[in-house]
Amino acid sequence: MAQNEKLSVTMRQTQLGRVKGLGAAKTGVHHWWAERVTSVALIPLTLWFVFSVLSLAGHPQPAIAHWISHPLVAVLLIALILASFHHTILGLQVIMDDYIHEEMPRLAAILTMKAVLYLLGLAALLAVLKLAI
């Protein structure tokens, strides 16, 4: 088969996949964009968090709890938690999709990973809300 024929067959298969809603035309683009958006959101949130923690180093626990109780701080911490856990879930799912080739073990691994991370994320949110309220 000539090079042009191979390219033509590949293009037809790609176009057919788009029509059928298969591949990146269905959910891959959304997943890719979600990873990029969360990573961009994490840049200022992480910088704010690191500088805040460094400025609070050595303060007693009640002072830190008082700092977290400020509404803006609580909202930024919640945003950091949500973006971090969502970004982690997206990234780990891509890794599992790439390296676990059998359907059932991959599905089990993804569901287990998501369950663990959702529970950890809820625990982190609960901790912030408990200190903020």
N, C-alpha and C. Protein backbone atom coordinates (compact mmCIF):
# COMPACT_ATOMS: atom_id res chain seq x y z
N MET A 1 0.86 -1.18 0.00
CA MET A 1 0.00 0.00 0.00
C MET A 1 0.91 1.24 0.00
N ALA A 2 0.63 2.15 -0.85
CA ALA A 2 1.43 3.37 -0.97
C ALA A 2 1.20 4.29 0.22
N GLN A 3 2.13 5.19 0.42
CA GLN A 3 2.05 6.14 1.55
C GLN A 3 0.77 6.97 1.50
N ASN A 4 0.40 7.46 0.31
CA ASN A 4 -0.82 8.26 0.18
C ASN A 4 -2.07 7.46 0.50
N GLU A 5 -2.09 6.17 0.13
CA GLU A 5 -3.24 5.32 0.43
C GLU A 5 -3.37 5.10 1.93
N LYS A 6 -2.23 4.88 2.61
CA LYS A 6 -2.25 4.70 4.07
C LYS A 6 -2.79 5.94 4.75
N LEU A 7 -2.34 7.11 4.30
CA LEU A 7 -2.80 8.37 4.87
C LEU A 7 -4.29 8.56 4.64
N SER A 8 -4.75 8.20 3.45
CA SER A 8 -6.18 8.33 3.13
C SER A 8 -7.02 7.42 4.01
N VAL A 9 -6.58 6.19 4.23
CA VAL A 9 -7.31 5.25 5.09
C VAL A 9 -7.35 5.78 6.52
N THR A 10 -6.21 6.29 7.02
CA THR A 10 -6.15 6.84 8.37
C THR A 10 -7.09 8.03 8.51
N MET A 11 -7.11 8.90 7.53
CA MET A 11 -7.99 10.07 7.60
C MET A 11 -9.46 9.66 7.60
N ARG A 12 -9.82 8.66 6.79
CA ARG A 12 -11.22 8.19 6.77
C ARG A 12 -11.59 7.59 8.12
N GLN A 13 -10.67 6.81 8.72
CA GLN A 13 -10.96 6.20 10.01
C GLN A 13 -11.12 7.28 11.08
N THR A 14 -10.29 8.31 11.03
CA THR A 14 -10.40 9.40 11.99
C THR A 14 -11.72 10.14 11.82
N GLN A 15 -12.08 10.43 10.58
CA GLN A 15 -13.34 11.12 10.32
C GLN A 15 -14.52 10.25 10.76
N LEU A 16 -14.46 8.95 10.50
CA LEU A 16 -15.52 8.04 10.93
C LEU A 16 -15.62 8.03 12.45
N GLY A 17 -14.47 8.04 13.13
CA GLY A 17 -14.46 8.08 14.59
C GLY A 17 -15.12 9.34 15.12
N ARG A 18 -14.88 10.47 14.45
CA ARG A 18 -15.51 11.72 14.88
C ARG A 18 -17.01 11.66 14.71
N VAL A 19 -17.46 11.10 13.61
CA VAL A 19 -18.90 11.00 13.36
C VAL A 19 -19.55 10.10 14.40
N LYS A 20 -18.90 9.01 14.73
CA LYS A 20 -19.45 8.07 15.71
C LYS A 20 -19.28 8.55 17.14
N GLY A 21 -18.52 9.61 17.34
CA GLY A 21 -18.30 10.12 18.70
C GLY A 21 -17.25 9.34 19.46
N LEU A 22 -16.32 8.75 18.75
CA LEU A 22 -15.28 7.95 19.40
C LEU A 22 -14.00 8.76 19.57
N GLY A 23 -13.19 8.36 20.50
CA GLY A 23 -11.88 8.97 20.70
C GLY A 23 -11.97 10.35 21.30
N ALA A 24 -10.99 11.18 20.95
CA ALA A 24 -10.86 12.51 21.53
C ALA A 24 -12.05 13.40 21.21
N ALA A 25 -12.75 13.10 20.14
CA ALA A 25 -13.91 13.92 19.78
C ALA A 25 -15.02 13.79 20.81
N LYS A 26 -14.97 12.75 21.64
CA LYS A 26 -16.03 12.56 22.63
C LYS A 26 -15.67 13.17 23.99
N THR A 27 -14.66 12.64 24.68
CA THR A 27 -14.34 13.15 26.02
C THR A 27 -12.88 13.52 26.21
N GLY A 28 -12.03 13.12 25.31
CA GLY A 28 -10.60 13.37 25.48
C GLY A 28 -10.27 14.85 25.57
N VAL A 29 -10.92 15.66 24.77
CA VAL A 29 -10.63 17.09 24.79
C VAL A 29 -11.06 17.71 26.11
N HIS A 30 -12.22 17.31 26.61
CA HIS A 30 -12.69 17.84 27.90
C HIS A 30 -11.71 17.49 29.01
N HIS A 31 -11.26 16.25 29.02
CA HIS A 31 -10.33 15.79 30.05
C HIS A 31 -9.02 16.60 29.96
N TRP A 32 -8.52 16.79 28.75
CA TRP A 32 -7.28 17.53 28.54
C TRP A 32 -7.43 18.97 29.01
N TRP A 33 -8.54 19.62 28.64
CA TRP A 33 -8.76 21.00 29.06
C TRP A 33 -8.92 21.10 30.57
N ALA A 34 -9.63 20.16 31.19
CA ALA A 34 -9.81 20.19 32.64
C ALA A 34 -8.47 20.11 33.36
N GLU A 35 -7.57 19.29 32.84
CA GLU A 35 -6.23 19.20 33.44
C GLU A 35 -5.49 20.53 33.32
N ARG A 36 -5.61 21.16 32.17
CA ARG A 36 -4.91 22.43 31.96
C ARG A 36 -5.50 23.54 32.83
N VAL A 37 -6.82 23.59 32.92
CA VAL A 37 -7.47 24.64 33.72
C VAL A 37 -7.13 24.48 35.19
N THR A 38 -7.18 23.24 35.69
CA THR A 38 -6.85 23.04 37.11
C THR A 38 -5.38 23.34 37.37
N SER A 39 -4.50 23.01 36.42
CA SER A 39 -3.08 23.31 36.66
C SER A 39 -2.82 24.81 36.67
N VAL A 40 -3.50 25.56 35.82
CA VAL A 40 -3.35 27.01 35.82
C VAL A 40 -3.92 27.60 37.11
N ALA A 41 -5.06 27.10 37.57
CA ALA A 41 -5.66 27.58 38.81
C ALA A 41 -4.77 27.27 40.01
N LEU A 42 -4.07 26.15 39.95
CA LEU A 42 -3.23 25.74 41.08
C LEU A 42 -1.98 26.61 41.24
N ILE A 43 -1.54 27.26 40.19
CA ILE A 43 -0.33 28.08 40.30
C ILE A 43 -0.50 29.19 41.33
N PRO A 44 -1.47 30.10 41.18
CA PRO A 44 -1.59 31.16 42.19
C PRO A 44 -2.05 30.63 43.55
N LEU A 45 -2.92 29.62 43.54
CA LEU A 45 -3.39 29.08 44.82
C LEU A 45 -2.24 28.45 45.61
N THR A 46 -1.38 27.72 44.93
CA THR A 46 -0.25 27.08 45.61
C THR A 46 0.75 28.11 46.10
N LEU A 47 1.03 29.11 45.27
CA LEU A 47 1.96 30.17 45.70
C LEU A 47 1.41 30.90 46.92
N TRP A 48 0.12 31.23 46.90
CA TRP A 48 -0.51 31.89 48.06
C TRP A 48 -0.39 31.00 49.30
N PHE A 49 -0.68 29.71 49.14
CA PHE A 49 -0.65 28.80 50.27
C PHE A 49 0.76 28.66 50.85
N VAL A 50 1.75 28.49 49.98
CA VAL A 50 3.13 28.33 50.45
C VAL A 50 3.59 29.57 51.20
N PHE A 51 3.35 30.76 50.63
CA PHE A 51 3.77 32.00 51.31
C PHE A 51 3.01 32.20 52.62
N SER A 52 1.73 31.82 52.63
CA SER A 52 0.95 31.94 53.86
C SER A 52 1.46 31.02 54.95
N VAL A 53 1.75 29.79 54.59
CA VAL A 53 2.25 28.83 55.57
C VAL A 53 3.62 29.27 56.08
N LEU A 54 4.47 29.77 55.21
CA LEU A 54 5.78 30.24 55.64
C LEU A 54 5.66 31.44 56.58
N SER A 55 4.70 32.32 56.31
CA SER A 55 4.52 33.49 57.19
C SER A 55 3.91 33.11 58.53
N LEU A 56 3.22 31.96 58.59
CA LEU A 56 2.60 31.51 59.84
C LEU A 56 3.50 30.55 60.62
N ALA A 57 4.66 30.23 60.08
CA ALA A 57 5.56 29.30 60.77
C ALA A 57 5.90 29.83 62.15
N GLY A 58 5.77 28.97 63.15
CA GLY A 58 6.09 29.34 64.51
C GLY A 58 4.92 29.93 65.30
N HIS A 59 3.82 30.23 64.62
CA HIS A 59 2.65 30.76 65.33
C HIS A 59 1.95 29.62 66.07
N PRO A 60 1.29 29.92 67.18
CA PRO A 60 0.56 28.87 67.90
C PRO A 60 -0.69 28.43 67.12
N GLN A 61 -1.18 27.25 67.46
CA GLN A 61 -2.34 26.68 66.78
C GLN A 61 -3.55 27.59 66.81
N PRO A 62 -3.88 28.26 67.92
CA PRO A 62 -5.05 29.15 67.90
C PRO A 62 -4.92 30.30 66.90
N ALA A 63 -3.71 30.80 66.68
CA ALA A 63 -3.51 31.87 65.70
C ALA A 63 -3.75 31.36 64.28
N ILE A 64 -3.34 30.14 64.01
CA ILE A 64 -3.55 29.55 62.69
C ILE A 64 -5.03 29.26 62.48
N ALA A 65 -5.69 28.77 63.53
CA ALA A 65 -7.13 28.52 63.43
C ALA A 65 -7.88 29.83 63.20
N HIS A 66 -7.44 30.89 63.84
CA HIS A 66 -8.06 32.21 63.63
C HIS A 66 -7.84 32.68 62.20
N TRP A 67 -6.65 32.43 61.66
CA TRP A 67 -6.35 32.80 60.28
C TRP A 67 -7.27 32.06 59.31
N ILE A 68 -7.47 30.76 59.55
CA ILE A 68 -8.34 29.95 58.68
C ILE A 68 -9.80 30.40 58.79
N SER A 69 -10.18 30.94 59.93
CA SER A 69 -11.57 31.35 60.11
C SER A 69 -11.93 32.59 59.31
N HIS A 70 -10.95 33.29 58.75
CA HIS A 70 -11.25 34.44 57.90
C HIS A 70 -11.92 33.92 56.62
N PRO A 71 -13.05 34.51 56.20
CA PRO A 71 -13.80 33.98 55.05
C PRO A 71 -12.98 33.86 53.75
N LEU A 72 -12.17 34.85 53.43
CA LEU A 72 -11.38 34.78 52.20
C LEU A 72 -10.37 33.65 52.26
N VAL A 73 -9.74 33.48 53.40
CA VAL A 73 -8.76 32.40 53.56
C VAL A 73 -9.45 31.05 53.42
N ALA A 74 -10.61 30.89 54.06
CA ALA A 74 -11.34 29.63 53.98
C ALA A 74 -11.74 29.32 52.53
N VAL A 75 -12.21 30.32 51.81
CA VAL A 75 -12.60 30.12 50.42
C VAL A 75 -11.39 29.74 49.57
N LEU A 76 -10.27 30.40 49.76
CA LEU A 76 -9.07 30.06 49.00
C LEU A 76 -8.55 28.66 49.34
N LEU A 77 -8.63 28.28 50.60
CA LEU A 77 -8.23 26.91 50.98
C LEU A 77 -9.14 25.88 50.35
N ILE A 78 -10.44 26.15 50.34
CA ILE A 78 -11.40 25.22 49.72
C ILE A 78 -11.14 25.13 48.22
N ALA A 79 -10.87 26.27 47.58
CA ALA A 79 -10.55 26.25 46.15
C ALA A 79 -9.28 25.45 45.88
N LEU A 80 -8.28 25.61 46.74
CA LEU A 80 -7.04 24.85 46.60
C LEU A 80 -7.29 23.36 46.75
N ILE A 81 -8.08 22.99 47.72
CA ILE A 81 -8.39 21.56 47.93
C ILE A 81 -9.13 20.99 46.73
N LEU A 82 -10.18 21.68 46.28
CA LEU A 82 -10.97 21.18 45.15
C LEU A 82 -10.12 21.07 43.88
N ALA A 83 -9.35 22.10 43.58
CA ALA A 83 -8.51 22.07 42.37
C ALA A 83 -7.44 20.99 42.48
N SER A 84 -6.82 20.86 43.64
CA SER A 84 -5.75 19.86 43.83
C SER A 84 -6.27 18.45 43.66
N PHE A 85 -7.37 18.14 44.32
CA PHE A 85 -7.89 16.78 44.25
C PHE A 85 -8.44 16.47 42.86
N HIS A 86 -9.10 17.43 42.23
CA HIS A 86 -9.62 17.20 40.87
C HIS A 86 -8.46 16.99 39.90
N HIS A 87 -7.43 17.80 40.00
CA HIS A 87 -6.26 17.67 39.13
C HIS A 87 -5.56 16.33 39.36
N THR A 88 -5.47 15.92 40.60
CA THR A 88 -4.85 14.63 40.92
C THR A 88 -5.64 13.48 40.33
N ILE A 89 -6.95 13.53 40.46
CA ILE A 89 -7.80 12.47 39.91
C ILE A 89 -7.64 12.40 38.39
N LEU A 90 -7.65 13.55 37.73
CA LEU A 90 -7.49 13.56 36.27
C LEU A 90 -6.14 12.99 35.85
N GLY A 91 -5.09 13.40 36.53
CA GLY A 91 -3.76 12.94 36.18
C GLY A 91 -3.56 11.45 36.42
N LEU A 92 -4.03 10.97 37.56
CA LEU A 92 -3.89 9.54 37.86
C LEU A 92 -4.73 8.68 36.92
N GLN A 93 -5.88 9.20 36.51
CA GLN A 93 -6.70 8.45 35.56
C GLN A 93 -5.99 8.30 34.22
N VAL A 94 -5.32 9.34 33.78
CA VAL A 94 -4.56 9.26 32.53
C VAL A 94 -3.44 8.23 32.65
N ILE A 95 -2.76 8.23 33.78
CA ILE A 95 -1.68 7.26 34.00
C ILE A 95 -2.24 5.84 33.97
N MET A 96 -3.36 5.63 34.65
CA MET A 96 -3.96 4.29 34.67
C MET A 96 -4.46 3.88 33.28
N ASP A 97 -5.04 4.81 32.55
CA ASP A 97 -5.49 4.52 31.18
C ASP A 97 -4.31 4.14 30.30
N ASP A 98 -3.17 4.78 30.49
CA ASP A 98 -2.00 4.51 29.67
C ASP A 98 -1.29 3.21 30.01
N TYR A 99 -1.28 2.83 31.28
CA TYR A 99 -0.43 1.71 31.69
C TYR A 99 -1.17 0.45 32.12
N ILE A 100 -2.47 0.52 32.34
CA ILE A 100 -3.24 -0.69 32.66
C ILE A 100 -4.07 -1.00 31.42
N HIS A 101 -3.70 -2.07 30.71
CA HIS A 101 -4.28 -2.33 29.40
C HIS A 101 -5.54 -3.18 29.45
N GLU A 102 -5.75 -3.94 30.48
CA GLU A 102 -6.95 -4.78 30.57
C GLU A 102 -8.08 -3.95 31.18
N GLU A 103 -9.28 -4.11 30.63
CA GLU A 103 -10.42 -3.26 30.97
C GLU A 103 -10.83 -3.35 32.45
N MET A 104 -11.04 -4.55 32.96
CA MET A 104 -11.56 -4.69 34.33
C MET A 104 -10.56 -4.23 35.40
N PRO A 105 -9.29 -4.63 35.33
CA PRO A 105 -8.35 -4.10 36.34
C PRO A 105 -8.22 -2.58 36.27
N ARG A 106 -8.25 -2.02 35.05
CA ARG A 106 -8.16 -0.56 34.92
C ARG A 106 -9.38 0.10 35.53
N LEU A 107 -10.56 -0.41 35.26
CA LEU A 107 -11.78 0.16 35.83
C LEU A 107 -11.77 0.07 37.35
N ALA A 108 -11.34 -1.08 37.88
CA ALA A 108 -11.27 -1.25 39.34
C ALA A 108 -10.26 -0.29 39.95
N ALA A 109 -9.12 -0.12 39.30
CA ALA A 109 -8.09 0.79 39.82
C ALA A 109 -8.59 2.23 39.80
N ILE A 110 -9.24 2.64 38.73
CA ILE A 110 -9.74 4.01 38.61
C ILE A 110 -10.82 4.27 39.65
N LEU A 111 -11.75 3.33 39.81
CA LEU A 111 -12.82 3.51 40.80
C LEU A 111 -12.27 3.56 42.22
N THR A 112 -11.30 2.71 42.52
CA THR A 112 -10.69 2.71 43.85
C THR A 112 -9.95 4.02 44.10
N MET A 113 -9.18 4.45 43.11
CA MET A 113 -8.42 5.70 43.24
C MET A 113 -9.36 6.88 43.46
N LYS A 114 -10.45 6.92 42.67
CA LYS A 114 -11.40 8.03 42.80
C LYS A 114 -12.09 8.00 44.17
N ALA A 115 -12.47 6.82 44.64
CA ALA A 115 -13.12 6.72 45.95
C ALA A 115 -12.20 7.21 47.06
N VAL A 116 -10.95 6.77 47.03
CA VAL A 116 -9.99 7.19 48.06
C VAL A 116 -9.76 8.70 48.01
N LEU A 117 -9.56 9.24 46.82
CA LEU A 117 -9.28 10.67 46.71
C LEU A 117 -10.50 11.53 47.04
N TYR A 118 -11.69 11.07 46.67
CA TYR A 118 -12.90 11.82 47.06
C TYR A 118 -13.06 11.84 48.58
N LEU A 119 -12.79 10.71 49.24
CA LEU A 119 -12.89 10.67 50.70
C LEU A 119 -11.83 11.57 51.36
N LEU A 120 -10.61 11.54 50.85
CA LEU A 120 -9.56 12.41 51.39
C LEU A 120 -9.90 13.88 51.15
N GLY A 121 -10.43 14.19 49.97
CA GLY A 121 -10.84 15.56 49.68
C GLY A 121 -11.95 16.03 50.59
N LEU A 122 -12.92 15.16 50.83
CA LEU A 122 -14.01 15.52 51.76
C LEU A 122 -13.49 15.73 53.18
N ALA A 123 -12.53 14.91 53.58
CA ALA A 123 -11.93 15.08 54.91
C ALA A 123 -11.22 16.42 55.01
N ALA A 124 -10.50 16.79 53.96
CA ALA A 124 -9.80 18.09 53.96
C ALA A 124 -10.80 19.25 53.99
N LEU A 125 -11.86 19.13 53.20
CA LEU A 125 -12.90 20.19 53.21
C LEU A 125 -13.56 20.30 54.58
N LEU A 126 -13.84 19.17 55.18
CA LEU A 126 -14.46 19.17 56.51
C LEU A 126 -13.54 19.84 57.52
N ALA A 127 -12.26 19.58 57.43
CA ALA A 127 -11.30 20.20 58.36
C ALA A 127 -11.29 21.72 58.22
N VAL A 128 -11.29 22.18 56.98
CA VAL A 128 -11.30 23.65 56.77
C VAL A 128 -12.61 24.24 57.26
N LEU A 129 -13.73 23.61 56.92
CA LEU A 129 -15.02 24.13 57.35
C LEU A 129 -15.16 24.12 58.87
N LYS A 130 -14.63 23.10 59.52
CA LYS A 130 -14.70 23.02 60.97
C LYS A 130 -13.91 24.15 61.62
N LEU A 131 -12.76 24.48 61.06
CA LEU A 131 -11.96 25.59 61.60
C LEU A 131 -12.53 26.96 61.20
N ALA A 132 -13.19 27.00 60.05
CA ALA A 132 -13.69 28.29 59.57
C ALA A 132 -15.00 28.70 60.24
N ILE A 133 -15.74 27.75 60.71
CA ILE A 133 -17.06 28.08 61.30
C ILE A 133 -16.99 28.10 62.81
